[in-house]
C-alpha atoms as a PDB file:
ATOM      1  CA  MET A   1      -6.784  82.993  73.922  1.00  0.00           C
ATOM      2  CA  ASN A   2      -3.271  83.830  72.797  1.00  0.00           C
ATOM      3  CA  GLN A   3      -3.844  81.677  69.701  1.00  0.00           C
ATOM      4  CA  MET A   4      -7.014  83.621  68.919  1.00  0.00           C
ATOM      5  CA  ASN A   5      -5.199  86.950  69.254  1.00  0.00           C
ATOM      6  CA  LEU A   6      -2.461  85.760  66.892  1.00  0.00           C
ATOM      7  CA  THR A   7      -5.056  84.598  64.371  1.00  0.00           C
ATOM      8  CA  LEU A   8      -6.867  87.938  64.529  1.00  0.00           C
ATOM      9  CA  LEU A   9      -3.621  89.870  64.088  1.00  0.00           C
ATOM     10  CA  LEU A  10      -2.631  87.735  61.099  1.00  0.00           C
ATOM     11  CA  SER A  11      -6.077  88.227  59.562  1.00  0.00           C
ATOM     12  CA  LEU A  12      -5.864  91.997  59.999  1.00  0.00           C
ATOM     13  CA  LEU A  13      -2.374  92.101  58.486  1.00  0.00           C
ATOM     14  CA  LEU A  14      -3.561  90.032  55.524  1.00  0.00           C
ATOM     15  CA  LEU A  15      -6.531  92.342  55.017  1.00  0.00           C
ATOM     16  CA  LEU A  16      -4.250  95.386  55.057  1.00  0.00           C
ATOM     17  CA  VAL A  17      -1.836  93.865  52.548  1.00  0.00           C
ATOM     18  CA  LEU A  18      -4.682  92.739  50.313  1.00  0.00           C
ATOM     19  CA  ALA A  19      -6.377  96.125  50.523  1.00  0.00           C
ATOM     20  CA  TYR A  20      -3.185  97.727  49.184  1.00  0.00           C
ATOM     21  CA  SER A  21      -2.688  95.213  46.354  1.00  0.00           C
ATOM     22  CA  LEU A  22      -6.263  94.328  45.251  1.00  0.00           C
ATOM     23  CA  PRO A  23      -5.673  92.189  42.124  1.00  0.00           C
ATOM     24  CA  THR A  24      -9.048  90.411  42.213  1.00  0.00           C
ATOM     25  CA  VAL A  25     -11.341  90.270  45.214  1.00  0.00           C
ATOM     26  CA  ASP A  26     -12.622  86.759  44.462  1.00  0.00           C
ATOM     27  CA  SER A  27      -9.202  85.096  44.386  1.00  0.00           C
ATOM     28  CA  LEU A  28      -8.142  86.980  47.507  1.00  0.00           C
ATOM     29  CA  ALA A  29     -11.266  85.906  49.364  1.00  0.00           C
ATOM     30  CA  SER A  30     -10.650  82.277  48.420  1.00  0.00           C
ATOM     31  CA  LYS A  31      -7.020  82.569  49.555  1.00  0.00           C
ATOM     32  CA  ILE A  32      -8.077  84.052  52.905  1.00  0.00           C
ATOM     33  CA  LEU A  33     -10.651  81.300  53.407  1.00  0.00           C
ATOM     34  CA  ALA A  34      -8.040  78.664  52.566  1.00  0.00           C
ATOM     35  CA  ILE A  35      -5.586  80.167  55.075  1.00  0.00           C
ATOM     36  CA  ILE A  36      -8.264  80.376  57.779  1.00  0.00           C
ATOM     37  CA  ASP A  37      -9.208  76.734  57.164  1.00  0.00           C
ATOM     38  CA  ARG A  38      -5.534  75.776  57.426  1.00  0.00           C
ATOM     39  CA  ILE A  39      -5.198  77.632  60.760  1.00  0.00           C
ATOM     40  CA  LYS A  40      -8.246  75.912  62.265  1.00  0.00           C
END
């Protein structure tokens, strides 16, 4: 449960950072998916 909370917090922080620095949505989405896969 604690692990899940940490993962959710990290995801939200990433989304906030990405929302502020939107270079290209596609590359960001692939990066997020890669990070999520790495966490799992």
